[in-house]
PDB file of all heavy atoms in Angstrom:
ATOM      1  N   VAL A   1     -71.689  46.057  74.283  1.00  0.00           N
ATOM      2  CA  VAL A   1     -70.858  45.343  73.404  1.00  0.00           C
ATOM      3  C   VAL A   1     -69.660  46.169  72.887  1.00  0.00           C
ATOM      4  O   VAL A   1     -68.589  45.698  72.917  1.00  0.00           O
ATOM      5  CB  VAL A   1     -71.762  44.915  72.120  1.00  0.00           C
ATOM      6  CG1 VAL A   1     -70.853  44.160  71.084  1.00  0.00           C
ATOM      7  CG2 VAL A   1     -72.779  44.008  72.602  1.00  0.00           C
ATOM      8  N   ALA A   2     -69.931  47.382  72.455  1.00  0.00           N
ATOM      9  CA  ALA A   2     -68.878  48.165  71.970  1.00  0.00           C
ATOM     10  C   ALA A   2     -69.238  49.643  71.921  1.00  0.00           C
ATOM     11  O   ALA A   2     -70.395  49.987  71.857  1.00  0.00           O
ATOM     12  CB  ALA A   2     -68.501  47.699  70.486  1.00  0.00           C
ATOM     13  N   ALA A   3     -68.322  50.531  71.896  1.00  0.00           N
ATOM     14  CA  ALA A   3     -68.476  51.948  71.750  1.00  0.00           C
ATOM     15  C   ALA A   3     -67.407  52.616  70.994  1.00  0.00           C
ATOM     16  O   ALA A   3     -66.268  52.104  70.904  1.00  0.00           O
ATOM     17  CB  ALA A   3     -68.507  52.624  73.157  1.00  0.00           C
ATOM     18  N   ILE A   4     -67.630  53.591  70.292  1.00  0.00           N
ATOM     19  CA  ILE A   4     -66.723  54.377  69.462  1.00  0.00           C
ATOM     20  C   ILE A   4     -66.922  55.797  69.676  1.00  0.00           C
ATOM     21  O   ILE A   4     -68.013  56.385  69.782  1.00  0.00           O
ATOM     22  CB  ILE A   4     -66.811  53.990  67.947  1.00  0.00           C
ATOM     23  CG1 ILE A   4     -65.619  54.582  67.186  1.00  0.00           C
ATOM     24  CG2 ILE A   4     -68.192  54.352  67.487  1.00  0.00           C
ATOM     25  CD1 ILE A   4     -65.508  53.939  65.828  1.00  0.00           C
ATOM     26  N   GLY A   5     -65.699  56.623  69.828  1.00  0.00           N
ATOM     27  CA  GLY A   5     -65.828  57.989  70.034  1.00  0.00           C
ATOM     28  C   GLY A   5     -66.226  58.760  68.810  1.00  0.00           C
ATOM     29  O   GLY A   5     -66.466  58.240  67.744  1.00  0.00           O
ATOM     30  N   ARG A   6     -66.411  60.034  68.990  1.00  0.00           N
ATOM     31  CA  ARG A   6     -66.968  60.927  67.964  1.00  0.00           C
ATOM     32  C   ARG A   6     -66.209  60.860  66.656  1.00  0.00           C
ATOM     33  O   ARG A   6     -66.797  61.054  65.611  1.00  0.00           O
ATOM     34  CB  ARG A   6     -67.061  62.316  68.512  1.00  0.00           C
ATOM     35  CG  ARG A   6     -68.085  62.450  69.630  1.00  0.00           C
ATOM     36  CD  ARG A   6     -68.186  63.971  70.124  1.00  0.00           C
ATOM     37  NE  ARG A   6     -69.215  64.193  71.055  1.00  0.00           N
ATOM     38  CZ  ARG A   6     -69.503  65.350  71.514  1.00  0.00           C
ATOM     39  NH1 ARG A   6     -68.902  66.385  71.161  1.00  0.00           N
ATOM     40  NH2 ARG A   6     -70.597  65.482  72.380  1.00  0.00           N
ATOM     41  N   ARG A   7     -64.842  60.784  66.789  1.00  0.00           N
ATOM     42  CA  ARG A   7     -64.033  60.779  65.620  1.00  0.00           C
ATOM     43  C   ARG A   7     -63.493  59.456  65.295  1.00  0.00           C
ATOM     44  O   ARG A   7     -62.769  59.207  64.216  1.00  0.00           O
ATOM     45  CB  ARG A   7     -62.852  61.803  65.683  1.00  0.00           C
ATOM     46  CG  ARG A   7     -63.420  63.292  65.771  1.00  0.00           C
ATOM     47  CD  ARG A   7     -62.303  64.213  65.993  1.00  0.00           C
ATOM     48  NE  ARG A   7     -62.555  65.522  65.740  1.00  0.00           N
ATOM     49  CZ  ARG A   7     -63.287  66.380  66.684  1.00  0.00           C
ATOM     50  NH1 ARG A   7     -63.570  65.781  67.866  1.00  0.00           N
ATOM     51  NH2 ARG A   7     -63.654  67.546  66.400  1.00  0.00           N
ATOM     52  N   GLY A   8     -63.867  58.410  66.020  1.00  0.00           N
ATOM     53  CA  GLY A   8     -63.518  57.045  65.698  1.00  0.00           C
ATOM     54  C   GLY A   8     -62.095  56.671  66.124  1.00  0.00           C
ATOM     55  O   GLY A   8     -61.724  55.555  65.870  1.00  0.00           O
ATOM     56  N   TYR A   9     -61.396  57.511  67.021  1.00  0.00           N
ATOM     57  CA  TYR A   9     -60.057  57.175  67.365  1.00  0.00           C
ATOM     58  C   TYR A   9     -60.206  56.252  68.578  1.00  0.00           C
ATOM     59  O   TYR A   9     -59.179  55.461  68.810  1.00  0.00           O
ATOM     60  CB  TYR A   9     -59.341  58.440  67.661  1.00  0.00           C
ATOM     61  CG  TYR A   9     -59.126  59.408  66.501  1.00  0.00           C
ATOM     62  CD1 TYR A   9     -59.454  60.737  66.595  1.00  0.00           C
ATOM     63  CD2 TYR A   9     -58.647  58.800  65.364  1.00  0.00           C
ATOM     64  CE1 TYR A   9     -59.309  61.598  65.617  1.00  0.00           C
ATOM     65  CE2 TYR A   9     -58.507  59.733  64.203  1.00  0.00           C
ATOM     66  CZ  TYR A   9     -58.772  61.171  64.410  1.00  0.00           C
ATOM     67  OH  TYR A   9     -58.596  61.964  63.365  1.00  0.00           O
ATOM     68  N   ILE A  10     -61.075  56.289  69.390  1.00  0.00           N
ATOM     69  CA  ILE A  10     -61.145  55.568  70.679  1.00  0.00           C
ATOM     70  C   ILE A  10     -62.288  54.573  70.499  1.00  0.00           C
ATOM     71  O   ILE A  10     -63.406  54.853  70.169  1.00  0.00           O
ATOM     72  CB  ILE A  10     -61.428  56.522  71.847  1.00  0.00           C
ATOM     73  CG1 ILE A  10     -60.250  57.493  71.909  1.00  0.00           C
ATOM     74  CG2 ILE A  10     -61.521  55.650  73.164  1.00  0.00           C
ATOM     75  CD1 ILE A  10     -60.564  58.642  72.976  1.00  0.00           C
ATOM     76  N   THR A  11     -61.982  53.326  70.927  1.00  0.00           N
ATOM     77  CA  THR A  11     -63.024  52.278  70.943  1.00  0.00           C
ATOM     78  C   THR A  11     -62.877  51.479  72.225  1.00  0.00           C
ATOM     79  O   THR A  11     -61.829  51.283  72.749  1.00  0.00           O
ATOM     80  CB  THR A  11     -62.813  51.325  69.715  1.00  0.00           C
ATOM     81  OG1 THR A  11     -61.555  50.699  69.794  1.00  0.00           O
ATOM     82  CG2 THR A  11     -63.062  52.020  68.449  1.00  0.00           C
ATOM     83  N   TYR A  12     -64.007  51.072  72.655  1.00  0.00           N
ATOM     84  CA  TYR A  12     -64.070  50.156  73.933  1.00  0.00           C
ATOM     85  C   TYR A  12     -64.916  48.899  73.566  1.00  0.00           C
ATOM     86  O   TYR A  12     -65.887  49.026  72.739  1.00  0.00           O
ATOM     87  CB  TYR A  12     -64.780  50.845  74.998  1.00  0.00           C
ATOM     88  CG  TYR A  12     -64.083  51.983  75.664  1.00  0.00           C
ATOM     89  CD1 TYR A  12     -64.734  53.043  76.136  1.00  0.00           C
ATOM     90  CD2 TYR A  12     -62.665  51.948  75.747  1.00  0.00           C
ATOM     91  CE1 TYR A  12     -64.052  54.136  76.771  1.00  0.00           C
ATOM     92  CE2 TYR A  12     -61.983  53.057  76.256  1.00  0.00           C
ATOM     93  CZ  TYR A  12     -62.724  54.177  76.808  1.00  0.00           C
ATOM     94  OH  TYR A  12     -61.955  55.260  77.420  1.00  0.00           O
ATOM     95  N   TYR A  13     -64.594  47.749  74.096  1.00  0.00           N
ATOM     96  CA  TYR A  13     -65.339  46.610  73.905  1.00  0.00           C
ATOM     97  C   TYR A  13     -65.724  45.907  75.214  1.00  0.00           C
ATOM     98  O   TYR A  13     -64.954  45.909  76.165  1.00  0.00           O
ATOM     99  CB  TYR A  13     -64.588  45.613  73.078  1.00  0.00           C
ATOM    100  CG  TYR A  13     -64.318  46.156  71.696  1.00  0.00           C
ATOM    101  CD1 TYR A  13     -63.053  46.749  71.355  1.00  0.00           C
ATOM    102  CD2 TYR A  13     -65.177  46.002  70.601  1.00  0.00           C
ATOM    103  CE1 TYR A  13     -62.833  47.384  70.163  1.00  0.00           C
ATOM    104  CE2 TYR A  13     -64.939  46.597  69.391  1.00  0.00           C
ATOM    105  CZ  TYR A  13     -63.678  47.268  69.160  1.00  0.00           C
ATOM    106  OH  TYR A  13     -63.501  47.680  67.942  1.00  0.00           O
ATOM    107  N   GLY A  14     -66.775  45.246  75.202  1.00  0.00           N
ATOM    108  CA  GLY A  14     -67.247  44.332  76.271  1.00  0.00           C
ATOM    109  C   GLY A  14     -66.435  43.234  76.395  1.00  0.00           C
ATOM    110  O   GLY A  14     -65.892  42.591  75.504  1.00  0.00           O
ATOM    111  N   ASP A  15     -66.358  42.704  77.595  1.00  0.00           N
ATOM    112  CA  ASP A  15     -65.490  41.583  77.967  1.00  0.00           C
ATOM    113  C   ASP A  15     -65.841  40.307  77.086  1.00  0.00           C
ATOM    114  O   ASP A  15     -65.042  39.541  76.693  1.00  0.00           O
ATOM    115  CB  ASP A  15     -65.440  41.233  79.423  1.00  0.00           C
ATOM    116  CG  ASP A  15     -64.784  42.227  80.311  1.00  0.00           C
ATOM    117  OD1 ASP A  15     -64.002  42.991  79.764  1.00  0.00           O
ATOM    118  OD2 ASP A  15     -65.064  42.269  81.482  1.00  0.00           O
ATOM    119  N   SER A  16     -67.154  40.212  76.879  1.00  0.00           N
ATOM    120  CA  SER A  16     -67.662  39.067  76.160  1.00  0.00           C
ATOM    121  C   SER A  16     -67.301  39.022  74.637  1.00  0.00           C
ATOM    122  O   SER A  16     -67.453  37.947  73.986  1.00  0.00           O
ATOM    123  CB  SER A  16     -69.144  38.896  76.348  1.00  0.00           C
ATOM    124  OG  SER A  16     -69.845  39.974  75.743  1.00  0.00           O
ATOM    125  N   VAL A  17     -66.892  40.194  74.138  1.00  0.00           N
ATOM    126  CA  VAL A  17     -66.568  40.198  72.700  1.00  0.00           C
ATOM    127  C   VAL A  17     -65.148  40.684  72.403  1.00  0.00           C
ATOM    128  O   VAL A  17     -64.779  40.785  71.261  1.00  0.00           O
ATOM    129  CB  VAL A  17     -67.637  41.090  71.891  1.00  0.00           C
ATOM    130  CG1 VAL A  17     -69.052  40.538  72.137  1.00  0.00           C
ATOM    131  CG2 VAL A  17     -67.524  42.586  72.463  1.00  0.00           C
ATOM    132  N   GLU A  18     -64.365  40.928  73.462  1.00  0.00           N
ATOM    133  CA  GLU A  18     -63.084  41.416  73.244  1.00  0.00           C
ATOM    134  C   GLU A  18     -62.277  40.462  72.376  1.00  0.00           C
ATOM    135  O   GLU A  18     -62.274  39.231  72.616  1.00  0.00           O
ATOM    136  CB  GLU A  18     -62.347  41.587  74.599  1.00  0.00           C
ATOM    137  CG  GLU A  18     -60.912  42.161  74.533  1.00  0.00           C
ATOM    138  CD  GLU A  18     -60.913  43.599  74.030  1.00  0.00           C
ATOM    139  OE1 GLU A  18     -61.724  44.358  74.425  1.00  0.00           O
ATOM    140  OE2 GLU A  18     -60.027  43.950  73.184  1.00  0.00           O
ATOM    141  N   GLY A  19     -61.603  40.988  71.345  1.00  0.00           N
ATOM    142  CA  GLY A  19     -60.890  40.111  70.451  1.00  0.00           C
ATOM    143  C   GLY A  19     -61.713  39.598  69.261  1.00  0.00           C
ATOM    144  O   GLY A  19     -61.153  39.058  68.350  1.00  0.00           O
ATOM    145  N   ARG A  20     -62.987  39.663  69.371  1.00  0.00           N
ATOM    146  CA  ARG A  20     -63.926  39.226  68.287  1.00  0.00           C
ATOM    147  C   ARG A  20     -64.628  40.338  67.565  1.00  0.00           C
ATOM    148  O   ARG A  20     -65.120  40.084  66.521  1.00  0.00           O
ATOM    149  CB  ARG A  20     -64.837  38.213  68.829  1.00  0.00           C
ATOM    150  CG  ARG A  20     -64.180  36.962  69.447  1.00  0.00           C
ATOM    151  CD  ARG A  20     -65.330  35.934  69.652  1.00  0.00           C
ATOM    152  NE  ARG A  20     -66.282  36.362  70.736  1.00  0.00           N
ATOM    153  CZ  ARG A  20     -67.582  36.342  70.448  1.00  0.00           C
ATOM    154  NH1 ARG A  20     -68.102  35.902  69.372  1.00  0.00           N
ATOM    155  NH2 ARG A  20     -68.390  36.865  71.495  1.00  0.00           N
ATOM    156  N   ALA A  21     -64.729  41.508  68.188  1.00  0.00           N
ATOM    157  CA  ALA A  21     -65.549  42.640  67.739  1.00  0.00           C
ATOM    158  C   ALA A  21     -64.742  43.739  67.181  1.00  0.00           C
ATOM    159  O   ALA A  21     -63.579  44.017  67.559  1.00  0.00           O
ATOM    160  CB  ALA A  21     -66.457  43.067  68.827  1.00  0.00           C
ATOM    161  N   THR A  22     -65.249  44.455  66.169  1.00  0.00           N
ATOM    162  CA  THR A  22     -64.745  45.636  65.702  1.00  0.00           C
ATOM    163  C   THR A  22     -65.872  46.685  65.409  1.00  0.00           C
ATOM    164  O   THR A  22     -66.826  46.299  64.723  1.00  0.00           O
ATOM    165  CB  THR A  22     -63.983  45.394  64.281  1.00  0.00           C
ATOM    166  OG1 THR A  22     -62.945  44.399  64.478  1.00  0.00           O
ATOM    167  CG2 THR A  22     -63.363  46.718  63.835  1.00  0.00           C
ATOM    168  N   ILE A  23     -65.775  47.772  66.048  1.00  0.00           N
ATOM    169  CA  ILE A  23     -66.721  48.855  65.824  1.00  0.00           C
ATOM    170  C   ILE A  23     -66.023  49.889  64.980  1.00  0.00           C
ATOM    171  O   ILE A  23     -64.885  50.216  65.217  1.00  0.00           O
ATOM    172  CB  ILE A  23     -67.278  49.359  67.189  1.00  0.00           C
ATOM    173  CG1 ILE A  23     -68.442  50.364  66.874  1.00  0.00           C
ATOM    174  CG2 ILE A  23     -66.179  50.060  67.971  1.00  0.00           C
ATOM    175  CD1 ILE A  23     -69.172  50.772  68.236  1.00  0.00           C
ATOM    176  N   SER A  24     -66.834  50.498  63.998  1.00  0.00           N
ATOM    177  CA  SER A  24     -66.291  51.472  63.178  1.00  0.00           C
ATOM    178  C   SER A  24     -67.358  52.479  62.818  1.00  0.00           C
ATOM    179  O   SER A  24     -68.501  52.354  63.071  1.00  0.00           O
ATOM    180  CB  SER A  24     -65.685  50.857  61.867  1.00  0.00           C
ATOM    181  OG  SER A  24     -66.716  50.161  61.151  1.00  0.00           O
TER     182      SER A  24
END
């Protein structure tokens, strides 16, 4: 679904949730 780096600067999202998801 989503991933976030150690400091929160980099985020990735799965195709099914792109544009709808926010990881923090």
